[in-house]
PDB file of all heavy atoms in Angstrom:
ATOM      1  N   GLN A   1      96.948  89.938  85.156  1.00  0.00           N
ATOM      2  CA  GLN A   1      96.893  91.303  84.635  1.00  0.00           C
ATOM      3  C   GLN A   1      98.068  91.566  83.680  1.00  0.00           C
ATOM      4  O   GLN A   1      99.211  91.213  83.977  1.00  0.00           O
ATOM      5  CB  GLN A   1      96.940  92.311  85.796  1.00  0.00           C
ATOM      6  CG  GLN A   1      95.719  92.282  86.690  1.00  0.00           C
ATOM      7  CD  GLN A   1      94.488  92.769  85.966  1.00  0.00           C
ATOM      8  OE1 GLN A   1      94.551  93.638  85.098  1.00  0.00           O
ATOM      9  NE2 GLN A   1      93.335  92.193  86.305  1.00  0.00           N
ATOM     10  N   LYS A   2      97.744  92.158  82.558  1.00  0.00           N
ATOM     11  CA  LYS A   2      98.790  92.506  81.594  1.00  0.00           C
ATOM     12  C   LYS A   2      99.396  93.874  81.893  1.00  0.00           C
ATOM     13  O   LYS A   2     100.535  94.158  81.526  1.00  0.00           O
ATOM     14  CB  LYS A   2      98.217  92.492  80.180  1.00  0.00           C
ATOM     15  CG  LYS A   2      97.758  91.101  79.741  1.00  0.00           C
ATOM     16  CD  LYS A   2      97.224  91.127  78.325  1.00  0.00           C
ATOM     17  CE  LYS A   2      96.778  89.738  77.876  1.00  0.00           C
ATOM     18  NZ  LYS A   2      96.230  89.736  76.496  1.00  0.00           N
ATOM     19  N   LYS A   3      98.597  94.703  82.569  1.00  0.00           N
ATOM     20  CA  LYS A   3      99.083  96.042  82.893  1.00  0.00           C
ATOM     21  C   LYS A   3      98.546  96.449  84.261  1.00  0.00           C
ATOM     22  O   LYS A   3      97.366  96.322  84.531  1.00  0.00           O
ATOM     23  CB  LYS A   3      98.618  97.048  81.830  1.00  0.00           C
ATOM     24  CG  LYS A   3      99.175  98.445  82.033  1.00  0.00           C
ATOM     25  CD  LYS A   3      98.706  99.379  80.936  1.00  0.00           C
ATOM     26  CE  LYS A   3      99.241 100.783  81.128  1.00  0.00           C
ATOM     27  NZ  LYS A   3      98.772 101.710  80.070  1.00  0.00           N
ATOM     28  N   PHE A   4      99.434  96.933  85.134  1.00  0.00           N
ATOM     29  CA  PHE A   4      99.038  97.321  86.480  1.00  0.00           C
ATOM     30  C   PHE A   4      98.795  98.827  86.557  1.00  0.00           C
ATOM     31  O   PHE A   4      99.361  99.612  85.783  1.00  0.00           O
ATOM     32  CB  PHE A   4     100.121  96.933  87.493  1.00  0.00           C
ATOM     33  CG  PHE A   4     100.285  95.452  87.631  1.00  0.00           C
ATOM     34  CD1 PHE A   4     101.413  94.810  87.138  1.00  0.00           C
ATOM     35  CD2 PHE A   4      99.307  94.682  88.258  1.00  0.00           C
ATOM     36  CE1 PHE A   4     101.576  93.448  87.272  1.00  0.00           C
ATOM     37  CE2 PHE A   4      99.461  93.306  88.392  1.00  0.00           C
ATOM     38  CZ  PHE A   4     100.591  92.691  87.893  1.00  0.00           C
ATOM     39  N   GLU A   5      97.952  99.189  87.536  1.00  0.00           N
ATOM     40  CA  GLU A   5      97.641 100.601  87.764  1.00  0.00           C
ATOM     41  C   GLU A   5      98.107 101.001  89.155  1.00  0.00           C
ATOM     42  O   GLU A   5      98.486 100.149  89.967  1.00  0.00           O
ATOM     43  CB  GLU A   5      96.130 100.837  87.615  1.00  0.00           C
ATOM     44  CG  GLU A   5      95.592 100.459  86.239  1.00  0.00           C
ATOM     45  CD  GLU A   5      94.090 100.638  86.147  1.00  0.00           C
ATOM     46  OE1 GLU A   5      93.489 101.094  87.149  1.00  0.00           O
ATOM     47  OE2 GLU A   5      93.522 100.325  85.083  1.00  0.00           O
ATOM     48  N   ALA A   6      98.025 102.298  89.432  1.00  0.00           N
ATOM     49  CA  ALA A   6      98.478 102.792  90.732  1.00  0.00           C
ATOM     50  C   ALA A   6      97.634 102.228  91.873  1.00  0.00           C
ATOM     51  O   ALA A   6      98.137 101.967  92.980  1.00  0.00           O
ATOM     52  CB  ALA A   6      98.434 104.323  90.749  1.00  0.00           C
ATOM     53  N   LYS A   7      96.332 101.992  91.608  1.00  0.00           N
ATOM     54  CA  LYS A   7      95.461 101.471  92.665  1.00  0.00           C
ATOM     55  C   LYS A   7      95.851 100.043  93.065  1.00  0.00           C
ATOM     56  O   LYS A   7      95.603  99.622  94.201  1.00  0.00           O
ATOM     57  CB  LYS A   7      94.010 101.517  92.235  1.00  0.00           C
ATOM     58  CG  LYS A   7      93.693 100.671  91.009  1.00  0.00           C
ATOM     59  CD  LYS A   7      92.209 100.773  90.642  1.00  0.00           C
ATOM     60  CE  LYS A   7      91.884  99.879  89.434  1.00  0.00           C
ATOM     61  NZ  LYS A   7      90.451  99.962  89.060  1.00  0.00           N
ATOM     62  N   ASP A   8      96.459  99.292  92.131  1.00  0.00           N
ATOM     63  CA  ASP A   8      96.917  97.951  92.467  1.00  0.00           C
ATOM     64  C   ASP A   8      98.030  98.005  93.509  1.00  0.00           C
ATOM     65  O   ASP A   8      98.089  97.173  94.423  1.00  0.00           O
ATOM     66  CB  ASP A   8      97.406  97.223  91.216  1.00  0.00           C
ATOM     67  CG  ASP A   8      96.306  97.050  90.181  1.00  0.00           C
ATOM     68  OD1 ASP A   8      95.128  96.933  90.591  1.00  0.00           O
ATOM     69  OD2 ASP A   8      96.614  97.029  88.980  1.00  0.00           O
ATOM     70  N   ARG A   9      98.898  98.987  93.379  1.00  0.00           N
ATOM     71  CA  ARG A   9      99.972  99.156  94.357  1.00  0.00           C
ATOM     72  C   ARG A   9      99.396  99.510  95.726  1.00  0.00           C
ATOM     73  O   ARG A   9      99.843  98.995  96.753  1.00  0.00           O
ATOM     74  CB  ARG A   9     100.922 100.252  93.879  1.00  0.00           C
ATOM     75  CG  ARG A   9     102.078 100.520  94.840  1.00  0.00           C
ATOM     76  CD  ARG A   9     102.930 101.667  94.360  1.00  0.00           C
ATOM     77  NE  ARG A   9     102.129 102.909  94.276  1.00  0.00           N
ATOM     78  CZ  ARG A   9     102.619 104.054  93.816  1.00  0.00           C
ATOM     79  NH1 ARG A   9     103.860 104.111  93.353  1.00  0.00           N
ATOM     80  NH2 ARG A   9     101.855 105.125  93.775  1.00  0.00           N
ATOM     81  N   GLN A  10      98.391 100.366  95.733  1.00  0.00           N
ATOM     82  CA  GLN A  10      97.768 100.754  97.007  1.00  0.00           C
ATOM     83  C   GLN A  10      97.118  99.556  97.700  1.00  0.00           C
ATOM     84  O   GLN A  10      97.207  99.400  98.921  1.00  0.00           O
ATOM     85  CB  GLN A  10      96.721 101.845  96.751  1.00  0.00           C
ATOM     86  CG  GLN A  10      97.310 103.150  96.234  1.00  0.00           C
ATOM     87  CD  GLN A  10      96.227 104.152  95.872  1.00  0.00           C
ATOM     88  OE1 GLN A  10      95.041 103.832  95.896  1.00  0.00           O
ATOM     89  NE2 GLN A  10      96.645 105.367  95.522  1.00  0.00           N
ATOM     90  N   LYS A  11      96.474  98.688  96.916  1.00  0.00           N
ATOM     91  CA  LYS A  11      95.817  97.516  97.506  1.00  0.00           C
ATOM     92  C   LYS A  11      96.842  96.532  98.069  1.00  0.00           C
ATOM     93  O   LYS A  11      96.615  95.915  99.115  1.00  0.00           O
ATOM     94  CB  LYS A  11      94.940  96.836  96.455  1.00  0.00           C
ATOM     95  CG  LYS A  11      93.717  97.669  96.072  1.00  0.00           C
ATOM     96  CD  LYS A  11      92.937  97.044  94.931  1.00  0.00           C
ATOM     97  CE  LYS A  11      91.737  97.910  94.558  1.00  0.00           C
ATOM     98  NZ  LYS A  11      90.962  97.377  93.412  1.00  0.00           N
ATOM     99  N   LEU A  12      97.976  96.390  97.392  1.00  0.00           N
ATOM    100  CA  LEU A  12      99.042  95.538  97.921  1.00  0.00           C
ATOM    101  C   LEU A  12      99.554  96.078  99.255  1.00  0.00           C
ATOM    102  O   LEU A  12      99.720  95.328 100.223  1.00  0.00           O
ATOM    103  CB  LEU A  12     100.191  95.471  96.915  1.00  0.00           C
ATOM    104  CG  LEU A  12     100.290  94.236  96.026  1.00  0.00           C
ATOM    105  CD1 LEU A  12     101.473  94.366  95.080  1.00  0.00           C
ATOM    106  CD2 LEU A  12     100.409  92.972  96.856  1.00  0.00           C
ATOM    107  N   LEU A  13      99.812  97.396  99.294  1.00  0.00           N
ATOM    108  CA  LEU A  13     100.302  98.018 100.523  1.00  0.00           C
ATOM    109  C   LEU A  13      99.274  97.913 101.640  1.00  0.00           C
ATOM    110  O   LEU A  13      99.620  97.640 102.797  1.00  0.00           O
ATOM    111  CB  LEU A  13     100.658  99.483 100.253  1.00  0.00           C
ATOM    112  CG  LEU A  13     101.901  99.722  99.385  1.00  0.00           C
ATOM    113  CD1 LEU A  13     101.988 101.191  98.974  1.00  0.00           C
ATOM    114  CD2 LEU A  13     103.160  99.310 100.154  1.00  0.00           C
ATOM    115  N   MET A  14      97.989  98.127 101.311  1.00  0.00           N
ATOM    116  CA  MET A  14      96.929  98.038 102.323  1.00  0.00           C
ATOM    117  C   MET A  14      96.818  96.627 102.886  1.00  0.00           C
ATOM    118  O   MET A  14      96.668  96.430 104.103  1.00  0.00           O
ATOM    119  CB  MET A  14      95.589  98.472 101.718  1.00  0.00           C
ATOM    120  CG  MET A  14      95.455  99.966 101.488  1.00  0.00           C
ATOM    121  SD  MET A  14      93.848 100.385 100.737  1.00  0.00           S
ATOM    122  CE  MET A  14      92.723  99.801 102.018  1.00  0.00           C
ATOM    123  N   ALA A  15      96.886  95.622 102.009  1.00  0.00           N
ATOM    124  CA  ALA A  15      96.756  94.236 102.468  1.00  0.00           C
ATOM    125  C   ALA A  15      97.874  93.874 103.435  1.00  0.00           C
ATOM    126  O   ALA A  15      97.656  93.262 104.487  1.00  0.00           O
ATOM    127  CB  ALA A  15      96.761  93.280 101.272  1.00  0.00           C
ATOM    128  N   PHE A  16      99.119  94.274 103.082  1.00  0.00           N
ATOM    129  CA  PHE A  16     100.241  93.982 103.970  1.00  0.00           C
ATOM    130  C   PHE A  16     100.144  94.785 105.262  1.00  0.00           C
ATOM    131  O   PHE A  16     100.456  94.288 106.352  1.00  0.00           O
ATOM    132  CB  PHE A  16     101.561  94.272 103.269  1.00  0.00           C
ATOM    133  CG  PHE A  16     102.758  94.021 104.133  1.00  0.00           C
ATOM    134  CD1 PHE A  16     103.044  92.747 104.603  1.00  0.00           C
ATOM    135  CD2 PHE A  16     103.601  95.068 104.502  1.00  0.00           C
ATOM    136  CE1 PHE A  16     104.143  92.518 105.410  1.00  0.00           C
ATOM    137  CE2 PHE A  16     104.701  94.852 105.304  1.00  0.00           C
ATOM    138  CZ  PHE A  16     104.975  93.568 105.760  1.00  0.00           C
ATOM    139  N   GLY A  17      99.692  96.029 105.143  1.00  0.00           N
ATOM    140  CA  GLY A  17      99.540  96.866 106.336  1.00  0.00           C
ATOM    141  C   GLY A  17      98.508  96.304 107.299  1.00  0.00           C
ATOM    142  O   GLY A  17      98.716  96.265 108.517  1.00  0.00           O
ATOM    143  N   ILE A  18      97.358  95.839 106.746  1.00  0.00           N
ATOM    144  CA  ILE A  18      96.304  95.275 107.601  1.00  0.00           C
ATOM    145  C   ILE A  18      96.774  93.983 108.264  1.00  0.00           C
ATOM    146  O   ILE A  18      96.647  93.798 109.478  1.00  0.00           O
ATOM    147  CB  ILE A  18      95.028  95.019 106.772  1.00  0.00           C
ATOM    148  CG1 ILE A  18      94.424  96.355 106.319  1.00  0.00           C
ATOM    149  CG2 ILE A  18      94.005  94.216 107.579  1.00  0.00           C
ATOM    150  CD1 ILE A  18      93.281  96.196 105.328  1.00  0.00           C
ATOM    151  N   THR A  19      97.340  93.069 107.458  1.00  0.00           N
ATOM    152  CA  THR A  19      97.764  91.768 107.990  1.00  0.00           C
ATOM    153  C   THR A  19      98.903  91.924 108.987  1.00  0.00           C
ATOM    154  O   THR A  19      98.856  91.400 110.105  1.00  0.00           O
ATOM    155  CB  THR A  19      98.209  90.840 106.844  1.00  0.00           C
ATOM    156  OG1 THR A  19      97.199  90.803 105.845  1.00  0.00           O
ATOM    157  CG2 THR A  19      98.461  89.443 107.365  1.00  0.00           C
ATOM    158  N   GLY A  20      99.946  92.650 108.569  1.00  0.00           N
ATOM    159  CA  GLY A  20     101.079  92.849 109.463  1.00  0.00           C
ATOM    160  C   GLY A  20     100.711  93.648 110.694  1.00  0.00           C
ATOM    161  O   GLY A  20     101.193  93.363 111.799  1.00  0.00           O
ATOM    162  N   GLY A  21      99.828  94.641 110.515  1.00  0.00           N
ATOM    163  CA  GLY A  21      99.413  95.464 111.651  1.00  0.00           C
ATOM    164  C   GLY A  21      98.653  94.656 112.694  1.00  0.00           C
ATOM    165  O   GLY A  21      98.902  94.789 113.897  1.00  0.00           O
ATOM    166  N   LEU A  22      97.727  93.804 112.238  1.00  0.00           N
ATOM    167  CA  LEU A  22      96.969  92.972 113.186  1.00  0.00           C
ATOM    168  C   LEU A  22      97.893  92.021 113.934  1.00  0.00           C
ATOM    169  O   LEU A  22      97.769  91.827 115.144  1.00  0.00           O
ATOM    170  CB  LEU A  22      95.895  92.176 112.437  1.00  0.00           C
ATOM    171  CG  LEU A  22      94.688  92.966 111.936  1.00  0.00           C
ATOM    172  CD1 LEU A  22      93.764  92.087 111.096  1.00  0.00           C
ATOM    173  CD2 LEU A  22      93.906  93.534 113.125  1.00  0.00           C
ATOM    174  N   ALA A  23      98.834  91.406 113.210  1.00  0.00           N
ATOM    175  CA  ALA A  23      99.773  90.490 113.853  1.00  0.00           C
ATOM    176  C   ALA A  23     100.661  91.232 114.855  1.00  0.00           C
ATOM    177  O   ALA A  23     100.935  90.734 115.957  1.00  0.00           O
ATOM    178  CB  ALA A  23     100.630  89.800 112.803  1.00  0.00           C
ATOM    179  N   LEU A  24     101.080  92.434 114.487  1.00  0.00           N
ATOM    180  CA  LEU A  24     101.939  93.223 115.378  1.00  0.00           C
ATOM    181  C   LEU A  24     101.190  93.633 116.642  1.00  0.00           C
ATOM    182  O   LEU A  24     101.718  93.519 117.760  1.00  0.00           O
ATOM    183  CB  LEU A  24     102.445  94.466 114.635  1.00  0.00           C
ATOM    184  CG  LEU A  24     103.485  95.313 115.367  1.00  0.00           C
ATOM    185  CD1 LEU A  24     104.756  94.508 115.592  1.00  0.00           C
ATOM    186  CD2 LEU A  24     103.775  96.592 114.581  1.00  0.00           C
ATOM    187  N   VAL A  25      99.950  94.059 116.477  1.00  0.00           N
ATOM    188  CA  VAL A  25      99.147  94.458 117.643  1.00  0.00           C
ATOM    189  C   VAL A  25      98.908  93.263 118.564  1.00  0.00           C
ATOM    190  O   VAL A  25      99.017  93.366 119.786  1.00  0.00           O
ATOM    191  CB  VAL A  25      97.803  95.060 117.174  1.00  0.00           C
ATOM    192  CG1 VAL A  25      96.857  95.240 118.362  1.00  0.00           C
ATOM    193  CG2 VAL A  25      98.038  96.405 116.493  1.00  0.00           C
ATOM    194  N   ALA A  26      98.574  92.088 117.961  1.00  0.00           N
ATOM    195  CA  ALA A  26      98.329  90.894 118.772  1.00  0.00           C
ATOM    196  C   ALA A  26      99.581  90.489 119.539  1.00  0.00           C
ATOM    197  O   ALA A  26      99.511  90.099 120.709  1.00  0.00           O
ATOM    198  CB  ALA A  26      97.864  89.748 117.877  1.00  0.00           C
ATOM    199  N   GLY A  27     100.745  90.595 118.883  1.00  0.00           N
ATOM    200  CA  GLY A  27     101.985  90.179 119.538  1.00  0.00           C
ATOM    201  C   GLY A  27     102.447  91.127 120.617  1.00  0.00           C
ATOM    202  O   GLY A  27     102.889  90.697 121.680  1.00  0.00           O
ATOM    203  N   LEU A  28     102.358  92.427 120.354  1.00  0.00           N
ATOM    204  CA  LEU A  28     102.881  93.412 121.300  1.00  0.00           C
ATOM    205  C   LEU A  28     101.876  93.777 122.385  1.00  0.00           C
ATOM    206  O   LEU A  28     102.245  93.933 123.548  1.00  0.00           O
ATOM    207  CB  LEU A  28     103.311  94.673 120.549  1.00  0.00           C
ATOM    208  CG  LEU A  28     104.461  94.492 119.542  1.00  0.00           C
ATOM    209  CD1 LEU A  28     104.769  95.818 118.858  1.00  0.00           C
ATOM    210  CD2 LEU A  28     105.707  93.944 120.237  1.00  0.00           C
ATOM    211  N   ALA A  29     100.615  93.917 121.996  1.00  0.00           N
ATOM    212  CA  ALA A  29      99.597  94.374 122.949  1.00  0.00           C
ATOM    213  C   ALA A  29      98.766  93.224 123.506  1.00  0.00           C
ATOM    214  O   ALA A  29      97.772  93.456 124.190  1.00  0.00           O
ATOM    215  CB  ALA A  29      98.676  95.391 122.271  1.00  0.00           C
ATOM    216  N   GLY A  30      99.167  91.977 123.217  1.00  0.00           N
ATOM    217  CA  GLY A  30      98.378  90.840 123.671  1.00  0.00           C
ATOM    218  C   GLY A  30      98.198  90.792 125.168  1.00  0.00           C
ATOM    219  O   GLY A  30      97.122  90.479 125.684  1.00  0.00           O
ATOM    220  N   SER A  31      99.254  91.115 125.908  1.00  0.00           N
ATOM    221  CA  SER A  31      99.174  91.039 127.370  1.00  0.00           C
ATOM    222  C   SER A  31      98.206  92.061 127.948  1.00  0.00           C
ATOM    223  O   SER A  31      97.736  91.909 129.074  1.00  0.00           O
ATOM    224  CB  SER A  31     100.570  91.248 127.965  1.00  0.00           C
ATOM    225  OG  SER A  31     101.101  92.498 127.551  1.00  0.00           O
ATOM    226  N   TYR A  32      97.902  93.122 127.170  1.00  0.00           N
ATOM    227  CA  TYR A  32      96.953  94.127 127.649  1.00  0.00           C
ATOM    228  C   TYR A  32      95.514  93.780 127.260  1.00  0.00           C
ATOM    229  O   TYR A  32      94.577  94.328 127.813  1.00  0.00           O
ATOM    230  CB  TYR A  32      97.315  95.503 127.070  1.00  0.00           C
ATOM    231  CG  TYR A  32      98.693  95.971 127.452  1.00  0.00           C
ATOM    232  CD1 TYR A  32      99.760  95.849 126.561  1.00  0.00           C
ATOM    233  CD2 TYR A  32      98.949  96.516 128.712  1.00  0.00           C
ATOM    234  CE1 TYR A  32     101.034  96.267 126.899  1.00  0.00           C
ATOM    235  CE2 TYR A  32     100.213  96.942 129.061  1.00  0.00           C
ATOM    236  CZ  TYR A  32     101.255  96.811 128.155  1.00  0.00           C
ATOM    237  OH  TYR A  32     102.513  97.229 128.511  1.00  0.00           O
ATOM    238  N   VAL A  33      95.381  92.869 126.288  1.00  0.00           N
ATOM    239  CA  VAL A  33      94.053  92.510 125.783  1.00  0.00           C
ATOM    240  C   VAL A  33      93.589  91.164 126.338  1.00  0.00           C
ATOM    241  O   VAL A  33      92.436  90.996 126.721  1.00  0.00           O
ATOM    242  CB  VAL A  33      94.061  92.461 124.238  1.00  0.00           C
ATOM    243  CG1 VAL A  33      92.686  92.055 123.709  1.00  0.00           C
ATOM    244  CG2 VAL A  33      94.491  93.805 123.662  1.00  0.00           C
ATOM    245  N   TYR A  34      94.515  90.199 126.416  1.00  0.00           N
ATOM    246  CA  TYR A  34      94.173  88.844 126.832  1.00  0.00           C
ATOM    247  C   TYR A  34      94.661  88.572 128.244  1.00  0.00           C
ATOM    248  O   TYR A  34      95.691  89.095 128.679  1.00  0.00           O
ATOM    249  CB  TYR A  34      94.792  87.811 125.884  1.00  0.00           C
ATOM    250  CG  TYR A  34      94.502  88.056 124.431  1.00  0.00           C
ATOM    251  CD1 TYR A  34      95.519  88.399 123.540  1.00  0.00           C
ATOM    252  CD2 TYR A  34      93.202  87.950 123.946  1.00  0.00           C
ATOM    253  CE1 TYR A  34      95.247  88.625 122.205  1.00  0.00           C
ATOM    254  CE2 TYR A  34      92.925  88.182 122.606  1.00  0.00           C
ATOM    255  CZ  TYR A  34      93.948  88.514 121.741  1.00  0.00           C
ATOM    256  OH  TYR A  34      93.684  88.750 120.430  1.00  0.00           O
ATOM    257  N   SER A  35      93.943  87.722 128.953  1.00  0.00           N
ATOM    258  CA  SER A  35      94.357  87.304 130.292  1.00  0.00           C
ATOM    259  C   SER A  35      95.177  86.027 130.256  1.00  0.00           C
ATOM    260  O   SER A  35      95.828  85.684 131.239  1.00  0.00           O
ATOM    261  CB  SER A  35      93.130  87.083 131.180  1.00  0.00           C
ATOM    262  OG  SER A  35      92.333  86.024 130.659  1.00  0.00           O
ATOM    263  N   TYR A  36      95.106  85.306 129.117  1.00  0.00           N
ATOM    264  CA  TYR A  36      95.786  84.020 128.952  1.00  0.00           C
ATOM    265  C   TYR A  36      95.340  82.996 129.997  1.00  0.00           C
ATOM    266  O   TYR A  36      96.091  82.112 130.384  1.00  0.00           O
ATOM    267  CB  TYR A  36      97.310  84.187 129.009  1.00  0.00           C
ATOM    268  CG  TYR A  36      97.856  85.102 127.948  1.00  0.00           C
ATOM    269  CD1 TYR A  36      98.310  86.372 128.260  1.00  0.00           C
ATOM    270  CD2 TYR A  36      97.896  84.704 126.617  1.00  0.00           C
ATOM    271  CE1 TYR A  36      98.798  87.226 127.283  1.00  0.00           C
ATOM    272  CE2 TYR A  36      98.384  85.541 125.624  1.00  0.00           C
ATOM    273  CZ  TYR A  36      98.831  86.809 125.971  1.00  0.00           C
ATOM    274  OH  TYR A  36      99.318  87.654 125.001  1.00  0.00           O
ATOM    275  N   GLU A  37      94.102  83.129 130.449  1.00  0.00           N
ATOM    276  CA  GLU A  37      93.564  82.181 131.416  1.00  0.00           C
ATOM    277  C   GLU A  37      92.827  81.051 130.701  1.00  0.00           C
ATOM    278  O   GLU A  37      92.368  81.200 129.573  1.00  0.00           O
ATOM    279  CB  GLU A  37      92.597  82.892 132.371  1.00  0.00           C
ATOM    280  CG  GLU A  37      93.261  83.922 133.273  1.00  0.00           C
ATOM    281  CD  GLU A  37      92.263  84.626 134.162  1.00  0.00           C
ATOM    282  OE1 GLU A  37      91.045  84.392 133.970  1.00  0.00           O
ATOM    283  OE2 GLU A  37      92.677  85.391 135.036  1.00  0.00           O
ATOM    284  N   ALA A  38      92.712  79.918 131.376  1.00  0.00           N
ATOM    285  CA  ALA A  38      91.952  78.778 130.876  1.00  0.00           C
ATOM    286  C   ALA A  38      91.121  78.207 132.016  1.00  0.00           C
ATOM    287  O   ALA A  38      91.426  78.430 133.201  1.00  0.00           O
ATOM    288  CB  ALA A  38      92.896  77.713 130.312  1.00  0.00           C
ATOM    289  N   GLU A  39      90.074  77.463 131.654  1.00  0.00           N
ATOM    290  CA  GLU A  39      89.203  76.877 132.667  1.00  0.00           C
ATOM    291  C   GLU A  39      89.985  75.931 133.588  1.00  0.00           C
ATOM    292  O   GLU A  39      89.708  75.840 134.788  1.00  0.00           O
ATOM    293  CB  GLU A  39      88.062  76.114 131.993  1.00  0.00           C
ATOM    294  CG  GLU A  39      87.045  77.005 131.276  1.00  0.00           C
ATOM    295  CD  GLU A  39      86.224  77.838 132.242  1.00  0.00           C
ATOM    296  OE1 GLU A  39      86.029  77.386 133.390  1.00  0.00           O
ATOM    297  OE2 GLU A  39      85.787  78.940 131.857  1.00  0.00           O
TER     298      GLU A  39
END
């Protein structure tokens, strides 16, 4: 891109928010979601 728009900034923020948010939820709330059991 030769010139960026405001929506490009929003998409960057959204992508980081989604990725980081999912990783944060998995790390912090994992013990409430997973049993960590195996066969």
